[in-house]
């Protein structure tokens, strides 16, 4: 059967993609950010998955105010990098895994989670920046990402948004779906977005280091407490865009120590943890957990 072996958590700041694409990674401002991912790139080379299930949010690229799915799974064979107003990022086309994606959709919907099935979708920085951070720069014409990717988009842009608890529960359903797939696949699940930031209004530029580090602590060592954080706490403490952190809970809920909403197995092994302020006007957080 297929199995989730590890989870990766990372911010997906669009300015990080711009720094990569414009050759600014060694500039003093950006160097500390990219240094935090040096270990991660080597780790991924030594732990290459067969498929990445990548949880992200669309930034009004694939979806608009005309249609906003709460949870949407990509089932296409490939996904083009999106033009977000200044041209597509110079990165390879993302190859999908329609068979596994279709199986996950079937299984998760039968577990009473409503998913939107997306057969055509361009993917924006929410998906391509994490790939660049973890995989390194790729030639858009001759290069390719290390493996197929299943995009899983979560609405954290237009209210109402899903709670952290629902996202955590959804992660458990995704793991069950993966484990019922009749092929020996090594699957990683990535939760992206965050950490604390606000892009508009009187609190624009808000960064809350204390909240971010508390969230990382709980995500790693007390995931049930992390899942129980109410929506208003994200908004109050982490800014309006800090709600993106609920997507990390999907990845954490998919780890093998969580069964039926309880911690029943050995805790995953923390392989790497990184936090840096700022990158643009955002706090950057990152962690890697391996199942035991």
C-alpha atoms as a PDB file:
ATOM      1  CA  UNK A   1       0.000   0.000   0.000  1.00  0.00           C
ATOM      2  CA  UNK A   2       0.982   3.644  -0.254  1.00  0.00           C
ATOM      3  CA  UNK A   3       2.250   5.319   2.883  1.00  0.00           C
ATOM      4  CA  UNK A   4       2.865   8.841   4.158  1.00  0.00           C
ATOM      5  CA  UNK A   5       6.442   8.859   5.389  1.00  0.00           C
ATOM      6  CA  UNK A   6       7.010  12.510   6.244  1.00  0.00           C
ATOM      7  CA  UNK A   7       5.420  15.936   6.452  1.00  0.00           C
ATOM      8  CA  UNK A   8       6.945  19.255   5.490  1.00  0.00           C
ATOM      9  CA  UNK A   9       5.759  22.651   6.708  1.00  0.00           C
ATOM     10  CA  UNK A  10       6.820  25.907   5.115  1.00  0.00           C
ATOM     11  CA  UNK A  11       5.804  29.455   4.356  1.00  0.00           C
ATOM     12  CA  UNK A  12       5.175  30.291   0.705  1.00  0.00           C
ATOM     13  CA  UNK A  13       5.954  34.022   0.599  1.00  0.00           C
ATOM     14  CA  UNK A  14       5.704  35.296  -3.005  1.00  0.00           C
ATOM     15  CA  UNK A  15       8.721  37.569  -2.543  1.00  0.00           C
ATOM     16  CA  UNK A  16      10.818  34.442  -1.920  1.00  0.00           C
ATOM     17  CA  UNK A  17       9.952  33.281  -5.424  1.00  0.00           C
ATOM     18  CA  UNK A  18      10.912  36.675  -6.806  1.00  0.00           C
ATOM     19  CA  UNK A  19      14.248  36.576  -4.955  1.00  0.00           C
ATOM     20  CA  UNK A  20      14.953  33.172  -6.459  1.00  0.00           C
ATOM     21  CA  UNK A  21      13.921  34.142  -9.968  1.00  0.00           C
ATOM     22  CA  UNK A  22      15.886  37.411  -9.939  1.00  0.00           C
ATOM     23  CA  UNK A  23      19.077  35.876  -8.539  1.00  0.00           C
ATOM     24  CA  UNK A  24      18.943  37.662  -5.177  1.00  0.00           C
ATOM     25  CA  UNK A  25      19.385  34.648  -2.884  1.00  0.00           C
ATOM     26  CA  UNK A  26      22.879  35.684  -1.767  1.00  0.00           C
ATOM     27  CA  UNK A  27      21.957  39.273  -0.982  1.00  0.00           C
ATOM     28  CA  UNK A  28      22.344  40.064   2.749  1.00  0.00           C
ATOM     29  CA  UNK A  29      18.601  40.474   3.243  1.00  0.00           C
ATOM     30  CA  UNK A  30      17.688  37.128   1.673  1.00  0.00           C
ATOM     31  CA  UNK A  31      20.675  34.967   2.560  1.00  0.00           C
ATOM     32  CA  UNK A  32      19.408  33.989   6.063  1.00  0.00           C
ATOM     33  CA  UNK A  33      16.100  32.822   4.601  1.00  0.00           C
ATOM     34  CA  UNK A  34      17.635  30.502   2.032  1.00  0.00           C
ATOM     35  CA  UNK A  35      20.270  29.248   4.474  1.00  0.00           C
ATOM     36  CA  UNK A  36      17.410  27.863   6.559  1.00  0.00           C
ATOM     37  CA  UNK A  37      16.484  25.538   3.690  1.00  0.00           C
ATOM     38  CA  UNK A  38      19.954  24.190   2.888  1.00  0.00           C
ATOM     39  CA  UNK A  39      19.456  21.188   5.166  1.00  0.00           C
ATOM     40  CA  UNK A  40      15.989  20.641   3.729  1.00  0.00           C
ATOM     41  CA  UNK A  41      17.210  20.428   0.138  1.00  0.00           C
ATOM     42  CA  UNK A  42      19.759  17.775   1.120  1.00  0.00           C
ATOM     43  CA  UNK A  43      17.166  15.931   3.189  1.00  0.00           C
ATOM     44  CA  UNK A  44      14.765  15.806   0.231  1.00  0.00           C
ATOM     45  CA  UNK A  45      17.476  14.423  -2.040  1.00  0.00           C
ATOM     46  CA  UNK A  46      18.028  11.593   0.443  1.00  0.00           C
ATOM     47  CA  UNK A  47      14.311  11.073   1.071  1.00  0.00           C
ATOM     48  CA  UNK A  48      12.854  11.524  -2.385  1.00  0.00           C
ATOM     49  CA  UNK A  49       9.121  10.728  -2.402  1.00  0.00           C
ATOM     50  CA  UNK A  50       7.166   9.121  -5.200  1.00  0.00           C
ATOM     51  CA  UNK A  51       4.409  11.733  -4.787  1.00  0.00           C
ATOM     52  CA  UNK A  52       4.015  15.000  -2.887  1.00  0.00           C
ATOM     53  CA  UNK A  53       0.535  15.893  -1.620  1.00  0.00           C
ATOM     54  CA  UNK A  54       0.886  19.670  -1.362  1.00  0.00           C
ATOM     55  CA  UNK A  55      -1.601  21.707   0.655  1.00  0.00           C
ATOM     56  CA  UNK A  56      -1.682  25.381  -0.314  1.00  0.00           C
ATOM     57  CA  UNK A  57      -4.095  28.217  -0.952  1.00  0.00           C
ATOM     58  CA  UNK A  58      -4.865  29.766  -4.274  1.00  0.00           C
ATOM     59  CA  UNK A  59      -4.398  33.544  -4.371  1.00  0.00           C
ATOM     60  CA  UNK A  60      -7.276  34.472  -6.711  1.00  0.00           C
ATOM     61  CA  UNK A  61      -5.529  32.746  -9.618  1.00  0.00           C
ATOM     62  CA  UNK A  62      -7.382  29.494 -10.250  1.00  0.00           C
ATOM     63  CA  UNK A  63     -10.456  30.609  -8.317  1.00  0.00           C
ATOM     64  CA  UNK A  64     -12.163  33.981  -8.045  1.00  0.00           C
ATOM     65  CA  UNK A  65     -14.975  35.459  -5.985  1.00  0.00           C
ATOM     66  CA  UNK A  66     -17.318  33.800  -8.476  1.00  0.00           C
ATOM     67  CA  UNK A  67     -16.437  30.350  -7.124  1.00  0.00           C
ATOM     68  CA  UNK A  68     -14.569  29.577  -3.906  1.00  0.00           C
ATOM     69  CA  UNK A  69     -14.264  25.905  -2.915  1.00  0.00           C
ATOM     70  CA  UNK A  70     -13.358  25.248   0.708  1.00  0.00           C
ATOM     71  CA  UNK A  71     -11.266  22.198  -0.225  1.00  0.00           C
ATOM     72  CA  UNK A  72     -10.226  21.429  -3.817  1.00  0.00           C
ATOM     73  CA  UNK A  73      -8.077  18.527  -5.035  1.00  0.00           C
ATOM     74  CA  UNK A  74      -6.239  18.638  -8.343  1.00  0.00           C
ATOM     75  CA  UNK A  75      -6.724  15.495 -10.423  1.00  0.00           C
ATOM     76  CA  UNK A  76      -5.068  16.664 -13.647  1.00  0.00           C
ATOM     77  CA  UNK A  77      -1.997  15.189 -15.326  1.00  0.00           C
ATOM     78  CA  UNK A  78      -0.129  18.502 -15.148  1.00  0.00           C
ATOM     79  CA  UNK A  79      -0.395  22.078 -13.916  1.00  0.00           C
ATOM     80  CA  UNK A  80       1.056  25.170 -15.549  1.00  0.00           C
ATOM     81  CA  UNK A  81       2.748  27.855 -13.408  1.00  0.00           C
ATOM     82  CA  UNK A  82       0.267  30.709 -13.126  1.00  0.00           C
ATOM     83  CA  UNK A  83       0.670  34.257 -14.386  1.00  0.00           C
ATOM     84  CA  UNK A  84       0.000  36.319 -11.252  1.00  0.00           C
ATOM     85  CA  UNK A  85       0.281  39.652 -13.043  1.00  0.00           C
ATOM     86  CA  UNK A  86       3.973  39.726 -13.946  1.00  0.00           C
ATOM     87  CA  UNK A  87       4.240  36.545 -15.991  1.00  0.00           C
ATOM     88  CA  UNK A  88       4.537  32.913 -14.888  1.00  0.00           C
ATOM     89  CA  UNK A  89       7.478  31.992 -12.671  1.00  0.00           C
ATOM     90  CA  UNK A  90      10.336  30.439 -14.698  1.00  0.00           C
ATOM     91  CA  UNK A  91       9.871  26.988 -13.195  1.00  0.00           C
ATOM     92  CA  UNK A  92       8.949  23.591 -14.683  1.00  0.00           C
ATOM     93  CA  UNK A  93       5.411  22.476 -15.293  1.00  0.00           C
ATOM     94  CA  UNK A  94       4.088  20.559 -12.294  1.00  0.00           C
ATOM     95  CA  UNK A  95       3.307  16.941 -13.122  1.00  0.00           C
ATOM     96  CA  UNK A  96       0.281  15.480 -11.346  1.00  0.00           C
ATOM     97  CA  UNK A  97      -0.728  11.973 -10.288  1.00  0.00           C
ATOM     98  CA  UNK A  98      -4.316  11.562 -11.495  1.00  0.00           C
ATOM     99  CA  UNK A  99      -4.710   7.967 -10.294  1.00  0.00           C
ATOM    100  CA  UNK A 100      -3.744   8.626  -6.681  1.00  0.00           C
ATOM    101  CA  UNK A 101      -5.551  11.975  -6.651  1.00  0.00           C
ATOM    102  CA  UNK A 102      -8.742  10.364  -7.895  1.00  0.00           C
ATOM    103  CA  UNK A 103      -8.455   7.618  -5.310  1.00  0.00           C
ATOM    104  CA  UNK A 104      -7.930  10.142  -2.504  1.00  0.00           C
ATOM    105  CA  UNK A 105     -10.940  12.145  -3.672  1.00  0.00           C
ATOM    106  CA  UNK A 106     -13.129   9.030  -3.701  1.00  0.00           C
ATOM    107  CA  UNK A 107     -11.961   7.910  -0.268  1.00  0.00           C
ATOM    108  CA  UNK A 108     -12.090  11.288   1.455  1.00  0.00           C
ATOM    109  CA  UNK A 109     -15.551  12.093   0.101  1.00  0.00           C
ATOM    110  CA  UNK A 110     -16.755   8.699   1.358  1.00  0.00           C
ATOM    111  CA  UNK A 111     -15.395   9.744   4.762  1.00  0.00           C
ATOM    112  CA  UNK A 112     -17.860  12.662   4.619  1.00  0.00           C
ATOM    113  CA  UNK A 113     -15.509  15.481   3.592  1.00  0.00           C
ATOM    114  CA  UNK A 114     -16.794  17.397   0.591  1.00  0.00           C
ATOM    115  CA  UNK A 115     -14.058  18.064  -1.953  1.00  0.00           C
ATOM    116  CA  UNK A 116     -14.159  19.998  -5.205  1.00  0.00           C
ATOM    117  CA  UNK A 117     -12.590  18.028  -8.053  1.00  0.00           C
ATOM    118  CA  UNK A 118     -10.370  20.198 -10.259  1.00  0.00           C
ATOM    119  CA  UNK A 119      -9.343  18.766 -13.627  1.00  0.00           C
ATOM    120  CA  UNK A 120      -7.644  21.921 -14.892  1.00  0.00           C
ATOM    121  CA  UNK A 121      -5.803  24.483 -12.783  1.00  0.00           C
ATOM    122  CA  UNK A 122      -2.839  26.814 -12.989  1.00  0.00           C
ATOM    123  CA  UNK A 123      -0.821  26.863  -9.762  1.00  0.00           C
ATOM    124  CA  UNK A 124       0.529  30.047  -8.225  1.00  0.00           C
ATOM    125  CA  UNK A 125       3.329  30.872  -5.761  1.00  0.00           C
ATOM    126  CA  UNK A 126       1.489  29.066  -2.972  1.00  0.00           C
ATOM    127  CA  UNK A 127       2.593  25.809  -4.594  1.00  0.00           C
ATOM    128  CA  UNK A 128       5.677  26.686  -6.628  1.00  0.00           C
ATOM    129  CA  UNK A 129       7.580  28.596  -3.906  1.00  0.00           C
ATOM    130  CA  UNK A 130       7.612  25.595  -1.509  1.00  0.00           C
ATOM    131  CA  UNK A 131       8.826  23.391  -4.360  1.00  0.00           C
ATOM    132  CA  UNK A 132      11.613  25.843  -5.147  1.00  0.00           C
ATOM    133  CA  UNK A 133      12.661  26.120  -1.498  1.00  0.00           C
ATOM    134  CA  UNK A 134      12.790  22.355  -0.992  1.00  0.00           C
ATOM    135  CA  UNK A 135      14.002  21.243  -4.424  1.00  0.00           C
ATOM    136  CA  UNK A 136      16.263  24.092  -5.438  1.00  0.00           C
ATOM    137  CA  UNK A 137      16.148  26.077  -8.641  1.00  0.00           C
ATOM    138  CA  UNK A 138      15.047  24.153 -11.735  1.00  0.00           C
ATOM    139  CA  UNK A 139      15.442  24.854 -15.446  1.00  0.00           C
ATOM    140  CA  UNK A 140      11.909  25.623 -16.682  1.00  0.00           C
ATOM    141  CA  UNK A 141      12.582  24.055 -20.071  1.00  0.00           C
ATOM    142  CA  UNK A 142      14.865  21.110 -19.368  1.00  0.00           C
ATOM    143  CA  UNK A 143      14.415  20.600 -15.624  1.00  0.00           C
ATOM    144  CA  UNK A 144      11.621  18.878 -13.746  1.00  0.00           C
ATOM    145  CA  UNK A 145      10.425  18.697 -10.166  1.00  0.00           C
ATOM    146  CA  UNK A 146      11.632  15.515  -8.407  1.00  0.00           C
ATOM    147  CA  UNK A 147       8.252  13.769  -8.481  1.00  0.00           C
ATOM    148  CA  UNK A 148       4.563  14.206  -9.264  1.00  0.00           C
ATOM    149  CA  UNK A 149       2.578  16.612  -7.091  1.00  0.00           C
ATOM    150  CA  UNK A 150      -1.078  16.521  -6.067  1.00  0.00           C
ATOM    151  CA  UNK A 151      -2.256  20.097  -5.427  1.00  0.00           C
ATOM    152  CA  UNK A 152      -4.780  20.497  -2.617  1.00  0.00           C
ATOM    153  CA  UNK A 153      -6.174  24.019  -2.356  1.00  0.00           C
ATOM    154  CA  UNK A 154      -7.799  25.334   0.828  1.00  0.00           C
ATOM    155  CA  UNK A 155      -9.845  28.516   1.051  1.00  0.00           C
ATOM    156  CA  UNK A 156      -8.194  30.789   3.606  1.00  0.00           C
ATOM    157  CA  UNK A 157      -8.849  33.941   1.590  1.00  0.00           C
ATOM    158  CA  UNK A 158     -12.602  34.545   1.670  1.00  0.00           C
ATOM    159  CA  UNK A 159     -14.623  34.027   4.829  1.00  0.00           C
ATOM    160  CA  UNK A 160     -15.950  31.680   6.082  1.00  0.00           C
ATOM    161  CA  UNK A 161     -12.789  29.571   6.218  1.00  0.00           C
ATOM    162  CA  UNK A 162     -12.400  26.053   7.673  1.00  0.00           C
ATOM    163  CA  UNK A 163     -11.402  25.666  11.305  1.00  0.00           C
ATOM    164  CA  UNK A 164      -8.073  24.257  12.399  1.00  0.00           C
ATOM    165  CA  UNK A 165      -9.878  21.279  13.898  1.00  0.00           C
ATOM    166  CA  UNK A 166     -11.615  20.456  10.628  1.00  0.00           C
ATOM    167  CA  UNK A 167      -8.325  20.703   8.777  1.00  0.00           C
ATOM    168  CA  UNK A 168      -6.679  18.420  11.331  1.00  0.00           C
ATOM    169  CA  UNK A 169      -9.496  15.884  10.946  1.00  0.00           C
ATOM    170  CA  UNK A 170      -9.233  16.109   7.167  1.00  0.00           C
ATOM    171  CA  UNK A 171      -5.550  15.207   7.403  1.00  0.00           C
ATOM    172  CA  UNK A 172      -6.493  11.957   9.113  1.00  0.00           C
ATOM    173  CA  UNK A 173      -8.944  11.164   6.310  1.00  0.00           C
ATOM    174  CA  UNK A 174      -6.255  11.856   3.721  1.00  0.00           C
ATOM    175  CA  UNK A 175      -3.845   9.456   5.432  1.00  0.00           C
ATOM    176  CA  UNK A 176      -6.493   6.708   5.430  1.00  0.00           C
ATOM    177  CA  UNK A 177      -7.082   7.379   1.749  1.00  0.00           C
ATOM    178  CA  UNK A 178      -3.387   7.149   0.916  1.00  0.00           C
ATOM    179  CA  UNK A 179      -2.969   3.928   2.903  1.00  0.00           C
ATOM    180  CA  UNK A 180      -5.851   2.305   1.029  1.00  0.00           C
ATOM    181  CA  UNK A 181      -4.214   2.906  -2.355  1.00  0.00           C
ATOM    182  CA  UNK A 182      -3.085  -0.398  -3.831  1.00  0.00           C
ATOM    183  CA  UNK A 183       0.404   0.579  -4.927  1.00  0.00           C
ATOM    184  CA  UNK A 184       3.639   0.786  -2.967  1.00  0.00           C
ATOM    185  CA  UNK A 185       4.193   4.556  -3.004  1.00  0.00           C
ATOM    186  CA  UNK A 186       6.236   6.783  -0.716  1.00  0.00           C
ATOM    187  CA  UNK A 187       4.079   9.879  -0.187  1.00  0.00           C
ATOM    188  CA  UNK A 188       4.996  13.116   1.572  1.00  0.00           C
ATOM    189  CA  UNK A 189       2.394  15.642   2.666  1.00  0.00           C
ATOM    190  CA  UNK A 190       3.342  19.320   2.731  1.00  0.00           C
ATOM    191  CA  UNK A 191       1.417  22.019   4.584  1.00  0.00           C
ATOM    192  CA  UNK A 192       2.229  25.538   3.396  1.00  0.00           C
ATOM    193  CA  UNK A 193       1.408  29.169   4.133  1.00  0.00           C
ATOM    194  CA  UNK A 194       1.892  31.512   7.086  1.00  0.00           C
ATOM    195  CA  UNK A 195       3.334  32.284   9.470  1.00  0.00           C
ATOM    196  CA  UNK A 196       2.052  35.484  11.117  1.00  0.00           C
ATOM    197  CA  UNK A 197       1.413  38.307   8.688  1.00  0.00           C
ATOM    198  CA  UNK A 198      -1.161  40.864   7.675  1.00  0.00           C
ATOM    199  CA  UNK A 199      -1.153  42.531   4.284  1.00  0.00           C
ATOM    200  CA  UNK A 200      -3.682  45.341   4.723  1.00  0.00           C
ATOM    201  CA  UNK A 201      -5.352  47.703   7.151  1.00  0.00           C
ATOM    202  CA  UNK A 202      -3.967  49.427  10.260  1.00  0.00           C
ATOM    203  CA  UNK A 203      -2.092  46.272  11.312  1.00  0.00           C
ATOM    204  CA  UNK A 204      -0.348  45.740   7.960  1.00  0.00           C
ATOM    205  CA  UNK A 205       3.118  44.320   8.606  1.00  0.00           C
ATOM    206  CA  UNK A 206       2.122  42.587  11.845  1.00  0.00           C
ATOM    207  CA  UNK A 207       4.485  39.797  12.900  1.00  0.00           C
ATOM    208  CA  UNK A 208       4.042  37.932  16.199  1.00  0.00           C
ATOM    209  CA  UNK A 209       7.133  35.867  16.997  1.00  0.00           C
ATOM    210  CA  UNK A 210       5.710  34.554  20.256  1.00  0.00           C
ATOM    211  CA  UNK A 211       2.576  33.180  18.611  1.00  0.00           C
ATOM    212  CA  UNK A 212       4.531  31.676  15.725  1.00  0.00           C
ATOM    213  CA  UNK A 213       6.959  29.851  18.016  1.00  0.00           C
ATOM    214  CA  UNK A 214       4.117  28.668  20.241  1.00  0.00           C
ATOM    215  CA  UNK A 215       2.322  27.304  17.186  1.00  0.00           C
ATOM    216  CA  UNK A 216       5.442  25.449  16.040  1.00  0.00           C
ATOM    217  CA  UNK A 217       5.906  23.985  19.529  1.00  0.00           C
ATOM    218  CA  UNK A 218       2.326  22.719  19.651  1.00  0.00           C
ATOM    219  CA  UNK A 219       2.311  21.511  16.051  1.00  0.00           C
ATOM    220  CA  UNK A 220       5.333  19.331  16.754  1.00  0.00           C
ATOM    221  CA  UNK A 221       4.729  18.128  20.312  1.00  0.00           C
ATOM    222  CA  UNK A 222       1.035  18.745  21.114  1.00  0.00           C
ATOM    223  CA  UNK A 223      -0.905  18.586  17.853  1.00  0.00           C
ATOM    224  CA  UNK A 224      -4.303  18.192  19.547  1.00  0.00           C
ATOM    225  CA  UNK A 225      -3.786  21.540  21.262  1.00  0.00           C
ATOM    226  CA  UNK A 226      -2.687  23.110  17.993  1.00  0.00           C
ATOM    227  CA  UNK A 227      -5.828  21.812  16.287  1.00  0.00           C
ATOM    228  CA  UNK A 228      -7.989  23.302  19.041  1.00  0.00           C
ATOM    229  CA  UNK A 229      -6.724  26.873  18.518  1.00  0.00           C
ATOM    230  CA  UNK A 230      -9.864  28.861  17.639  1.00  0.00           C
ATOM    231  CA  UNK A 231     -10.126  30.863  14.449  1.00  0.00           C
ATOM    232  CA  UNK A 232     -10.261  34.199  16.259  1.00  0.00           C
ATOM    233  CA  UNK A 233      -6.863  33.550  17.861  1.00  0.00           C
ATOM    234  CA  UNK A 234      -5.199  33.306  14.455  1.00  0.00           C
ATOM    235  CA  UNK A 235      -6.745  36.590  13.369  1.00  0.00           C
ATOM    236  CA  UNK A 236      -6.048  38.411  16.630  1.00  0.00           C
ATOM    237  CA  UNK A 237      -2.550  37.088  17.274  1.00  0.00           C
ATOM    238  CA  UNK A 238      -1.153  36.217  13.833  1.00  0.00           C
ATOM    239  CA  UNK A 239      -2.875  38.739  11.567  1.00  0.00           C
ATOM    240  CA  UNK A 240      -5.558  38.281   8.957  1.00  0.00           C
ATOM    241  CA  UNK A 241      -3.310  36.121   6.752  1.00  0.00           C
ATOM    242  CA  UNK A 242      -2.027  34.110   9.718  1.00  0.00           C
ATOM    243  CA  UNK A 243      -5.091  31.910   9.217  1.00  0.00           C
ATOM    244  CA  UNK A 244      -3.048  30.148   6.518  1.00  0.00           C
ATOM    245  CA  UNK A 245      -1.522  28.117   9.364  1.00  0.00           C
ATOM    246  CA  UNK A 246      -4.610  25.895   9.479  1.00  0.00           C
ATOM    247  CA  UNK A 247      -3.224  24.284   6.315  1.00  0.00           C
ATOM    248  CA  UNK A 248      -0.262  23.009   8.331  1.00  0.00           C
ATOM    249  CA  UNK A 249      -2.769  21.116  10.484  1.00  0.00           C
ATOM    250  CA  UNK A 250      -3.881  19.062   7.478  1.00  0.00           C
ATOM    251  CA  UNK A 251      -0.327  17.789   7.101  1.00  0.00           C
ATOM    252  CA  UNK A 252       0.070  17.222  10.857  1.00  0.00           C
ATOM    253  CA  UNK A 253      -3.212  15.328  11.091  1.00  0.00           C
ATOM    254  CA  UNK A 254      -1.982  12.982   8.372  1.00  0.00           C
ATOM    255  CA  UNK A 255       0.968  11.761  10.453  1.00  0.00           C
ATOM    256  CA  UNK A 256       0.835   8.228  11.840  1.00  0.00           C
ATOM    257  CA  UNK A 257       0.772   9.124  15.551  1.00  0.00           C
ATOM    258  CA  UNK A 258      -2.778  10.463  15.148  1.00  0.00           C
ATOM    259  CA  UNK A 259      -5.638   7.960  15.044  1.00  0.00           C
ATOM    260  CA  UNK A 260      -9.334   8.829  15.398  1.00  0.00           C
ATOM    261  CA  UNK A 261      -8.523  12.241  16.783  1.00  0.00           C
ATOM    262  CA  UNK A 262      -6.148  10.974  19.441  1.00  0.00           C
ATOM    263  CA  UNK A 263      -2.400  10.556  19.846  1.00  0.00           C
ATOM    264  CA  UNK A 264      -1.975   6.780  19.817  1.00  0.00           C
ATOM    265  CA  UNK A 265       1.465   6.133  18.346  1.00  0.00           C
ATOM    266  CA  UNK A 266       5.062   7.277  18.629  1.00  0.00           C
ATOM    267  CA  UNK A 267       5.639  10.954  17.918  1.00  0.00           C
ATOM    268  CA  UNK A 268       7.186  11.757  14.553  1.00  0.00           C
ATOM    269  CA  UNK A 269      10.873  12.621  14.529  1.00  0.00           C
ATOM    270  CA  UNK A 270      11.715  16.286  14.129  1.00  0.00           C
ATOM    271  CA  UNK A 271      14.388  16.502  11.436  1.00  0.00           C
ATOM    272  CA  UNK A 272      14.578  20.263  10.995  1.00  0.00           C
ATOM    273  CA  UNK A 273      13.052  23.449  12.368  1.00  0.00           C
ATOM    274  CA  UNK A 274      13.646  26.973  11.138  1.00  0.00           C
ATOM    275  CA  UNK A 275      12.172  30.404  11.834  1.00  0.00           C
ATOM    276  CA  UNK A 276      13.195  33.784  10.451  1.00  0.00           C
ATOM    277  CA  UNK A 277      11.845  37.335  10.492  1.00  0.00           C
ATOM    278  CA  UNK A 278      11.277  38.963   8.122  1.00  0.00           C
ATOM    279  CA  UNK A 279      10.931  37.903   4.520  1.00  0.00           C
ATOM    280  CA  UNK A 280       9.082  40.728   2.857  1.00  0.00           C
ATOM    281  CA  UNK A 281       6.524  41.554   5.582  1.00  0.00           C
ATOM    282  CA  UNK A 282       6.078  37.957   6.707  1.00  0.00           C
ATOM    283  CA  UNK A 283       7.507  35.598   9.295  1.00  0.00           C
ATOM    284  CA  UNK A 284       8.990  32.470   7.683  1.00  0.00           C
ATOM    285  CA  UNK A 285       8.513  29.149   9.430  1.00  0.00           C
ATOM    286  CA  UNK A 286       9.615  25.674   8.396  1.00  0.00           C
ATOM    287  CA  UNK A 287       9.756  22.166   9.847  1.00  0.00           C
ATOM    288  CA  UNK A 288      10.210  18.567   8.700  1.00  0.00           C
ATOM    289  CA  UNK A 289       8.714  15.604  10.546  1.00  0.00           C
ATOM    290  CA  UNK A 290       9.331  11.927   9.758  1.00  0.00           C
ATOM    291  CA  UNK A 291       6.983   9.127  10.763  1.00  0.00           C
ATOM    292  CA  UNK A 292       8.474   6.536  13.095  1.00  0.00           C
END
